[in-house]
Amino acid sequence: MTIAPVNSAAGSTDAVSLGRNRLAQNFDTFLTLLTTQMRNQDPLAPLDSNQFTAQLVQMTGVEQQLAANDLLKQLVANTGSDVGSAVNLIGKQVRVDSADAKLSGGKAQWNYHLDADTSDVKIEVLNSAGATVDVAAADAQQSKAGDHAYVWDGRGLSGQALPDGVYTLRITTRDASGASIAAGSVYLEGPVSAVERSGGDTLLTINGARAPLSSVIAVTQLPNTGASNSSSASDTSTPAGQTPASAA
């Protein structure tokens, strides 16, 4: 005999739906019985209304509990899985499909990928309003197919230092004839330093810029430097029976 696997989530949903349907049916039946009994009650021996009121309050409480369960399940689905998985990314190197990077201390860095060799790569930096604040041309090496990094010093077209904030990189490529070709993609890469929930999305902080969890395209475990730090500390320790030079 074949036994079908049990899906706990589906089972819970079916149980809640079944409970709500039965509650609705019982509630309608209860109102029908209440109306019929009150309509046909003996005027000399009226029915006790307290009992009907207590039953009505009890059924209303059950209905509210089912609604609360639905809200709780939605809350867990929205926050539990996404934030839980995102927290595990803190301290790891990630690559996200985003053209935004934060300028801080006169430095902002992006990465871009070219699908094929090109003869002309135009690099533009845009501010939050979408205006171009700086333009550069990639050299021959940065115009070849593959991954490249672009570091911006935070200075605008006239050489002035621009304020810190989030800026966007735009890549435009042309072939030898001057025709526009596919530019590939721009992405942000770095360690995740923070996770937050905002506007219904789970956001990761990477090099000071925020990107949605859904834009992550690669994750890399950073090397553990604890062992090397430990060995360095042991190498600088003073052997037993000797006096440090600084103390001498």
C-alpha atoms as a PDB file:
ATOM      1  CA  MET A   1       0.000   0.000   0.000  1.00  0.00           C
ATOM      2  CA  THR A   2       1.346   3.438  -0.946  1.00  0.00           C
ATOM      3  CA  ILE A   3       1.142   6.164   1.683  1.00  0.00           C
ATOM      4  CA  ALA A   4       1.082   9.720   0.407  1.00  0.00           C
ATOM      5  CA  PRO A   5       3.394  12.180   2.166  1.00  0.00           C
ATOM      6  CA  VAL A   6       1.835  14.592   4.616  1.00  0.00           C
ATOM      7  CA  ASN A   7       2.221  18.289   3.920  1.00  0.00           C
ATOM      8  CA  SER A   8       1.951  20.083   7.250  1.00  0.00           C
ATOM      9  CA  ALA A   9       1.421  23.534   5.729  1.00  0.00           C
ATOM     10  CA  ALA A  10      -1.293  22.316   3.381  1.00  0.00           C
ATOM     11  CA  GLY A  11      -2.871  20.295   6.195  1.00  0.00           C
ATOM     12  CA  SER A  12      -2.966  23.332   8.450  1.00  0.00           C
ATOM     13  CA  THR A  13      -4.545  25.450   5.719  1.00  0.00           C
ATOM     14  CA  ASP A  14      -7.165  22.788   4.983  1.00  0.00           C
ATOM     15  CA  ALA A  15      -7.965  22.452   8.675  1.00  0.00           C
ATOM     16  CA  VAL A  16      -8.465  26.187   9.083  1.00  0.00           C
ATOM     17  CA  SER A  17     -10.666  26.362   5.984  1.00  0.00           C
ATOM     18  CA  LEU A  18     -12.706  23.374   7.142  1.00  0.00           C
ATOM     19  CA  GLY A  19     -13.078  24.878  10.613  1.00  0.00           C
ATOM     20  CA  ARG A  20     -14.234  28.194   9.186  1.00  0.00           C
ATOM     21  CA  ASN A  21     -16.779  26.497   6.919  1.00  0.00           C
ATOM     22  CA  ARG A  22     -18.177  24.444   9.789  1.00  0.00           C
ATOM     23  CA  LEU A  23     -18.292  27.506  11.995  1.00  0.00           C
ATOM     24  CA  ALA A  24     -20.269  29.425   9.382  1.00  0.00           C
ATOM     25  CA  GLN A  25     -22.712  26.545   8.992  1.00  0.00           C
ATOM     26  CA  ASN A  26     -23.130  26.115  12.748  1.00  0.00           C
ATOM     27  CA  PHE A  27     -23.554  29.857  13.206  1.00  0.00           C
ATOM     28  CA  ASP A  28     -26.354  29.978  10.622  1.00  0.00           C
ATOM     29  CA  THR A  29     -27.989  26.919  12.173  1.00  0.00           C
ATOM     30  CA  PHE A  30     -27.716  28.454  15.623  1.00  0.00           C
ATOM     31  CA  LEU A  31     -29.412  31.663  14.492  1.00  0.00           C
ATOM     32  CA  THR A  32     -32.166  29.680  12.788  1.00  0.00           C
ATOM     33  CA  LEU A  33     -32.828  27.614  15.912  1.00  0.00           C
ATOM     34  CA  LEU A  34     -32.703  30.703  18.115  1.00  0.00           C
ATOM     35  CA  THR A  35     -35.193  32.545  15.933  1.00  0.00           C
ATOM     36  CA  THR A  36     -37.539  29.526  15.746  1.00  0.00           C
ATOM     37  CA  GLN A  37     -37.463  28.898  19.491  1.00  0.00           C
ATOM     38  CA  MET A  38     -38.097  32.522  20.335  1.00  0.00           C
ATOM     39  CA  ARG A  39     -40.934  32.665  17.824  1.00  0.00           C
ATOM     40  CA  ASN A  40     -42.617  29.534  19.247  1.00  0.00           C
ATOM     41  CA  GLN A  41     -41.815  29.954  22.930  1.00  0.00           C
ATOM     42  CA  ASP A  42     -44.523  29.624  25.582  1.00  0.00           C
ATOM     43  CA  PRO A  43     -45.472  33.129  26.747  1.00  0.00           C
ATOM     44  CA  LEU A  44     -46.058  31.737  30.236  1.00  0.00           C
ATOM     45  CA  ALA A  45     -42.589  30.037  30.345  1.00  0.00           C
ATOM     46  CA  PRO A  46     -40.212  32.119  28.198  1.00  0.00           C
ATOM     47  CA  LEU A  47     -36.833  30.736  27.230  1.00  0.00           C
ATOM     48  CA  ASP A  48     -33.714  31.814  29.134  1.00  0.00           C
ATOM     49  CA  SER A  49     -31.979  34.393  26.912  1.00  0.00           C
ATOM     50  CA  ASN A  50     -28.743  34.255  28.934  1.00  0.00           C
ATOM     51  CA  GLN A  51     -27.905  30.821  27.573  1.00  0.00           C
ATOM     52  CA  PHE A  52     -28.384  31.933  23.954  1.00  0.00           C
ATOM     53  CA  THR A  53     -26.297  35.036  24.555  1.00  0.00           C
ATOM     54  CA  ALA A  54     -23.458  32.984  26.048  1.00  0.00           C
ATOM     55  CA  GLN A  55     -23.463  30.633  23.060  1.00  0.00           C
ATOM     56  CA  LEU A  56     -23.465  33.566  20.647  1.00  0.00           C
ATOM     57  CA  VAL A  57     -20.488  35.159  22.420  1.00  0.00           C
ATOM     58  CA  GLN A  58     -18.637  31.838  22.401  1.00  0.00           C
ATOM     59  CA  MET A  59     -19.112  31.328  18.658  1.00  0.00           C
ATOM     60  CA  THR A  60     -18.018  34.923  17.972  1.00  0.00           C
ATOM     61  CA  GLY A  61     -14.851  34.283  19.998  1.00  0.00           C
ATOM     62  CA  VAL A  62     -14.049  31.196  17.938  1.00  0.00           C
ATOM     63  CA  GLU A  63     -14.469  33.187  14.722  1.00  0.00           C
ATOM     64  CA  GLN A  64     -12.113  35.878  16.016  1.00  0.00           C
ATOM     65  CA  GLN A  65      -9.554  33.227  16.976  1.00  0.00           C
ATOM     66  CA  LEU A  66      -9.571  31.835  13.441  1.00  0.00           C
ATOM     67  CA  ALA A  67      -8.995  35.329  12.058  1.00  0.00           C
ATOM     68  CA  ALA A  68      -6.123  35.855  14.511  1.00  0.00           C
ATOM     69  CA  ASN A  69      -4.548  32.575  13.402  1.00  0.00           C
ATOM     70  CA  ASP A  70      -4.665  33.745   9.778  1.00  0.00           C
ATOM     71  CA  LEU A  71      -2.945  37.016  10.658  1.00  0.00           C
ATOM     72  CA  LEU A  72      -0.289  35.221  12.695  1.00  0.00           C
ATOM     73  CA  LYS A  73       0.420  32.786   9.867  1.00  0.00           C
ATOM     74  CA  GLN A  74       0.763  35.684   7.409  1.00  0.00           C
ATOM     75  CA  LEU A  75       3.121  37.501   9.780  1.00  0.00           C
ATOM     76  CA  VAL A  76       5.339  34.442  10.146  1.00  0.00           C
ATOM     77  CA  ALA A  77       5.380  33.898   6.387  1.00  0.00           C
ATOM     78  CA  ASN A  78       6.349  37.510   5.703  1.00  0.00           C
ATOM     79  CA  THR A  79       9.059  37.912   8.320  1.00  0.00           C
ATOM     80  CA  GLY A  80      10.232  34.548   9.562  1.00  0.00           C
ATOM     81  CA  SER A  81      11.643  32.879   6.482  1.00  0.00           C
ATOM     82  CA  ASP A  82      13.085  35.920   4.679  1.00  0.00           C
ATOM     83  CA  VAL A  83      14.694  37.597   7.651  1.00  0.00           C
ATOM     84  CA  GLY A  84      15.886  34.278   9.052  1.00  0.00           C
ATOM     85  CA  SER A  85      17.668  33.367   5.840  1.00  0.00           C
ATOM     86  CA  ALA A  86      18.988  36.908   5.398  1.00  0.00           C
ATOM     87  CA  VAL A  87      20.547  36.985   8.871  1.00  0.00           C
ATOM     88  CA  ASN A  88      22.630  33.981   7.882  1.00  0.00           C
ATOM     89  CA  LEU A  89      24.205  36.147   5.144  1.00  0.00           C
ATOM     90  CA  ILE A  90      25.724  38.651   7.595  1.00  0.00           C
ATOM     91  CA  GLY A  91      29.502  38.506   7.254  1.00  0.00           C
ATOM     92  CA  LYS A  92      29.361  36.670   3.938  1.00  0.00           C
ATOM     93  CA  GLN A  93      30.409  38.013   0.543  1.00  0.00           C
ATOM     94  CA  VAL A  94      27.386  38.452  -1.729  1.00  0.00           C
ATOM     95  CA  ARG A  95      26.790  39.664  -5.244  1.00  0.00           C
ATOM     96  CA  VAL A  96      23.518  41.459  -5.897  1.00  0.00           C
ATOM     97  CA  ASP A  97      21.910  42.572  -9.120  1.00  0.00           C
ATOM     98  CA  SER A  98      21.999  46.286  -8.323  1.00  0.00           C
ATOM     99  CA  ALA A  99      23.572  49.360  -9.904  1.00  0.00           C
ATOM    100  CA  ASP A 100      23.461  51.375  -6.661  1.00  0.00           C
ATOM    101  CA  ALA A 101      26.503  51.954  -4.452  1.00  0.00           C
ATOM    102  CA  LYS A 102      27.167  54.314  -1.569  1.00  0.00           C
ATOM    103  CA  LEU A 103      29.725  57.086  -1.818  1.00  0.00           C
ATOM    104  CA  SER A 104      31.519  57.387   1.507  1.00  0.00           C
ATOM    105  CA  GLY A 105      34.826  59.056   2.273  1.00  0.00           C
ATOM    106  CA  GLY A 106      35.385  59.936  -1.375  1.00  0.00           C
ATOM    107  CA  LYS A 107      35.021  56.379  -2.657  1.00  0.00           C
ATOM    108  CA  ALA A 108      32.313  54.270  -4.268  1.00  0.00           C
ATOM    109  CA  GLN A 109      32.803  50.986  -6.072  1.00  0.00           C
ATOM    110  CA  TRP A 110      30.759  49.014  -8.581  1.00  0.00           C
ATOM    111  CA  ASN A 111      31.321  45.899 -10.630  1.00  0.00           C
ATOM    112  CA  TYR A 112      30.135  45.325 -14.164  1.00  0.00           C
ATOM    113  CA  HIS A 113      30.160  42.407 -16.565  1.00  0.00           C
ATOM    114  CA  LEU A 114      30.610  42.620 -20.343  1.00  0.00           C
ATOM    115  CA  ASP A 115      29.282  39.770 -22.438  1.00  0.00           C
ATOM    116  CA  ALA A 116      31.718  40.468 -25.300  1.00  0.00           C
ATOM    117  CA  ASP A 117      34.735  42.596 -26.186  1.00  0.00           C
ATOM    118  CA  THR A 118      33.821  46.175 -27.052  1.00  0.00           C
ATOM    119  CA  SER A 119      35.713  49.130 -28.474  1.00  0.00           C
ATOM    120  CA  ASP A 120      33.916  51.848 -26.523  1.00  0.00           C
ATOM    121  CA  VAL A 121      32.616  51.651 -22.942  1.00  0.00           C
ATOM    122  CA  LYS A 122      30.986  54.761 -21.507  1.00  0.00           C
ATOM    123  CA  ILE A 123      30.655  54.855 -17.715  1.00  0.00           C
ATOM    124  CA  GLU A 124      28.171  57.281 -16.165  1.00  0.00           C
ATOM    125  CA  VAL A 125      27.478  57.997 -12.495  1.00  0.00           C
ATOM    126  CA  LEU A 126      23.965  59.219 -11.706  1.00  0.00           C
ATOM    127  CA  ASN A 127      22.656  60.844  -8.543  1.00  0.00           C
ATOM    128  CA  SER A 128      19.382  60.036  -6.781  1.00  0.00           C
ATOM    129  CA  ALA A 129      17.493  62.356  -9.161  1.00  0.00           C
ATOM    130  CA  GLY A 130      18.783  60.458 -12.225  1.00  0.00           C
ATOM    131  CA  ALA A 131      21.077  63.265 -13.378  1.00  0.00           C
ATOM    132  CA  THR A 132      24.546  62.404 -14.689  1.00  0.00           C
ATOM    133  CA  VAL A 133      27.193  63.756 -12.307  1.00  0.00           C
ATOM    134  CA  ASP A 134      30.298  62.153 -13.828  1.00  0.00           C
ATOM    135  CA  VAL A 135      31.337  60.447 -17.053  1.00  0.00           C
ATOM    136  CA  ALA A 136      34.356  58.267 -17.781  1.00  0.00           C
ATOM    137  CA  ALA A 137      35.627  56.051 -20.605  1.00  0.00           C
ATOM    138  CA  ALA A 138      36.936  52.574 -19.838  1.00  0.00           C
ATOM    139  CA  ASP A 139      40.409  51.682 -21.060  1.00  0.00           C
ATOM    140  CA  ALA A 140      41.121  48.810 -23.434  1.00  0.00           C
ATOM    141  CA  GLN A 141      41.521  46.270 -20.630  1.00  0.00           C
ATOM    142  CA  GLN A 142      38.246  47.239 -18.986  1.00  0.00           C
ATOM    143  CA  SER A 143      36.477  46.969 -22.348  1.00  0.00           C
ATOM    144  CA  LYS A 144      37.111  43.246 -22.733  1.00  0.00           C
ATOM    145  CA  ALA A 145      34.562  40.559 -22.015  1.00  0.00           C
ATOM    146  CA  GLY A 146      34.347  39.536 -18.367  1.00  0.00           C
ATOM    147  CA  ASP A 147      34.002  41.096 -14.918  1.00  0.00           C
ATOM    148  CA  HIS A 148      35.466  44.490 -14.097  1.00  0.00           C
ATOM    149  CA  ALA A 149      35.540  46.831 -11.102  1.00  0.00           C
ATOM    150  CA  TYR A 150      35.042  50.575 -11.293  1.00  0.00           C
ATOM    151  CA  VAL A 151      36.103  52.818  -8.389  1.00  0.00           C
ATOM    152  CA  TRP A 152      34.810  56.392  -8.324  1.00  0.00           C
ATOM    153  CA  ASP A 153      36.502  59.164  -6.344  1.00  0.00           C
ATOM    154  CA  GLY A 154      33.268  61.040  -5.728  1.00  0.00           C
ATOM    155  CA  ARG A 155      34.099  64.047  -7.894  1.00  0.00           C
ATOM    156  CA  GLY A 156      31.655  65.514 -10.407  1.00  0.00           C
ATOM    157  CA  LEU A 157      32.072  66.734 -13.960  1.00  0.00           C
ATOM    158  CA  SER A 158      33.750  69.968 -12.876  1.00  0.00           C
ATOM    159  CA  GLY A 159      35.986  68.251 -10.348  1.00  0.00           C
ATOM    160  CA  GLN A 160      34.013  69.220  -7.269  1.00  0.00           C
ATOM    161  CA  ALA A 161      33.613  66.748  -4.398  1.00  0.00           C
ATOM    162  CA  LEU A 162      30.032  65.490  -4.253  1.00  0.00           C
ATOM    163  CA  PRO A 163      28.188  64.706  -1.003  1.00  0.00           C
ATOM    164  CA  ASP A 164      28.070  61.195   0.388  1.00  0.00           C
ATOM    165  CA  GLY A 165      25.041  59.163  -0.591  1.00  0.00           C
ATOM    166  CA  VAL A 166      23.801  56.463  -2.934  1.00  0.00           C
ATOM    167  CA  TYR A 167      24.717  56.797  -6.622  1.00  0.00           C
ATOM    168  CA  THR A 168      23.895  54.662  -9.658  1.00  0.00           C
ATOM    169  CA  LEU A 169      26.256  53.377 -12.338  1.00  0.00           C
ATOM    170  CA  ARG A 170      25.197  53.160 -15.980  1.00  0.00           C
ATOM    171  CA  ILE A 171      27.238  51.381 -18.663  1.00  0.00           C
ATOM    172  CA  THR A 172      26.831  52.085 -22.398  1.00  0.00           C
ATOM    173  CA  THR A 173      28.828  50.099 -24.963  1.00  0.00           C
ATOM    174  CA  ARG A 174      29.374  50.507 -28.701  1.00  0.00           C
ATOM    175  CA  ASP A 175      31.040  48.347 -31.327  1.00  0.00           C
ATOM    176  CA  ALA A 176      33.705  49.428 -33.836  1.00  0.00           C
ATOM    177  CA  SER A 177      31.061  50.965 -36.102  1.00  0.00           C
ATOM    178  CA  GLY A 178      29.646  53.080 -33.280  1.00  0.00           C
ATOM    179  CA  ALA A 179      26.430  51.102 -32.931  1.00  0.00           C
ATOM    180  CA  SER A 180      25.116  50.456 -29.417  1.00  0.00           C
ATOM    181  CA  ILE A 181      25.374  46.866 -28.198  1.00  0.00           C
ATOM    182  CA  ALA A 182      24.255  45.036 -25.082  1.00  0.00           C
ATOM    183  CA  ALA A 183      26.175  46.407 -22.112  1.00  0.00           C
ATOM    184  CA  GLY A 184      26.000  43.312 -19.936  1.00  0.00           C
ATOM    185  CA  SER A 185      25.136  43.956 -16.296  1.00  0.00           C
ATOM    186  CA  VAL A 186      26.110  46.082 -13.312  1.00  0.00           C
ATOM    187  CA  TYR A 187      26.230  44.508  -9.877  1.00  0.00           C
ATOM    188  CA  LEU A 188      27.284  45.273  -6.325  1.00  0.00           C
ATOM    189  CA  GLU A 189      29.606  42.965  -4.433  1.00  0.00           C
ATOM    190  CA  GLY A 190      30.766  42.985  -0.824  1.00  0.00           C
ATOM    191  CA  PRO A 191      30.139  41.641   2.697  1.00  0.00           C
ATOM    192  CA  VAL A 192      26.693  41.914   4.250  1.00  0.00           C
ATOM    193  CA  SER A 193      26.840  44.120   7.339  1.00  0.00           C
ATOM    194  CA  ALA A 194      23.139  44.455   8.263  1.00  0.00           C
ATOM    195  CA  VAL A 195      19.645  43.121   7.552  1.00  0.00           C
ATOM    196  CA  GLU A 196      16.383  45.017   7.928  1.00  0.00           C
ATOM    197  CA  ARG A 197      12.726  44.762   7.026  1.00  0.00           C
ATOM    198  CA  SER A 198      11.306  47.830   5.266  1.00  0.00           C
ATOM    199  CA  GLY A 199       8.268  48.383   3.070  1.00  0.00           C
ATOM    200  CA  GLY A 200       7.480  44.669   2.989  1.00  0.00           C
ATOM    201  CA  ASP A 201      10.963  43.788   1.652  1.00  0.00           C
ATOM    202  CA  THR A 202      14.000  42.303   3.361  1.00  0.00           C
ATOM    203  CA  LEU A 203      16.986  44.558   2.650  1.00  0.00           C
ATOM    204  CA  LEU A 204      20.698  43.781   2.904  1.00  0.00           C
ATOM    205  CA  THR A 205      23.319  46.458   3.602  1.00  0.00           C
ATOM    206  CA  ILE A 206      26.392  45.983   1.390  1.00  0.00           C
ATOM    207  CA  ASN A 207      29.201  48.543   1.443  1.00  0.00           C
ATOM    208  CA  GLY A 208      26.738  51.043   2.894  1.00  0.00           C
ATOM    209  CA  ALA A 209      24.124  50.552   0.149  1.00  0.00           C
ATOM    210  CA  ARG A 210      20.887  48.614   0.589  1.00  0.00           C
ATOM    211  CA  ALA A 211      19.616  45.953  -1.804  1.00  0.00           C
ATOM    212  CA  PRO A 212      16.635  43.568  -1.604  1.00  0.00           C
ATOM    213  CA  LEU A 213      17.269  39.962  -0.652  1.00  0.00           C
ATOM    214  CA  SER A 214      15.630  38.860  -3.903  1.00  0.00           C
ATOM    215  CA  SER A 215      18.448  40.517  -5.908  1.00  0.00           C
ATOM    216  CA  VAL A 216      21.178  38.226  -4.509  1.00  0.00           C
ATOM    217  CA  ILE A 217      22.780  36.239  -7.337  1.00  0.00           C
ATOM    218  CA  ALA A 218      25.838  34.762  -5.585  1.00  0.00           C
ATOM    219  CA  VAL A 219      27.067  34.095  -2.040  1.00  0.00           C
ATOM    220  CA  THR A 220      30.668  33.366  -0.996  1.00  0.00           C
ATOM    221  CA  GLN A 221      31.966  32.357   2.416  1.00  0.00           C
ATOM    222  CA  LEU A 222      34.688  34.775   3.522  1.00  0.00           C
ATOM    223  CA  PRO A 223      37.945  33.157   4.706  1.00  0.00           C
ATOM    224  CA  ASN A 224      38.313  32.764   8.451  1.00  0.00           C
ATOM    225  CA  THR A 225      41.270  34.821   9.603  1.00  0.00           C
ATOM    226  CA  GLY A 226      41.018  33.737  13.223  1.00  0.00           C
ATOM    227  CA  ALA A 227      43.673  31.043  12.868  1.00  0.00           C
ATOM    228  CA  SER A 228      46.204  33.383  11.253  1.00  0.00           C
ATOM    229  CA  ASN A 229      45.601  36.033  13.911  1.00  0.00           C
ATOM    230  CA  SER A 230      46.117  33.449  16.607  1.00  0.00           C
ATOM    231  CA  SER A 231      49.406  32.264  15.094  1.00  0.00           C
ATOM    232  CA  SER A 232      50.611  35.857  14.694  1.00  0.00           C
ATOM    233  CA  ALA A 233      49.915  36.515  18.345  1.00  0.00           C
ATOM    234  CA  SER A 234      51.808  33.400  19.398  1.00  0.00           C
ATOM    235  CA  ASP A 235      54.794  34.374  17.219  1.00  0.00           C
ATOM    236  CA  THR A 236      55.135  37.738  18.987  1.00  0.00           C
ATOM    237  CA  SER A 237      54.939  36.282  22.501  1.00  0.00           C
ATOM    238  CA  THR A 238      58.073  36.300  24.696  1.00  0.00           C
ATOM    239  CA  PRO A 239      59.683  32.888  25.331  1.00  0.00           C
ATOM    240  CA  ALA A 240      59.805  31.732  28.914  1.00  0.00           C
ATOM    241  CA  GLY A 241      62.820  32.946  30.884  1.00  0.00           C
ATOM    242  CA  GLN A 242      63.581  35.888  28.535  1.00  0.00           C
ATOM    243  CA  THR A 243      62.988  39.602  29.063  1.00  0.00           C
ATOM    244  CA  PRO A 244      61.225  41.597  26.313  1.00  0.00           C
ATOM    245  CA  ALA A 245      63.441  44.137  24.590  1.00  0.00           C
ATOM    246  CA  SER A 246      61.066  46.946  25.427  1.00  0.00           C
ATOM    247  CA  ALA A 247      61.246  46.072  29.118  1.00  0.00           C
ATOM    248  CA  ALA A 248      65.033  45.989  28.994  1.00  0.00           C
END
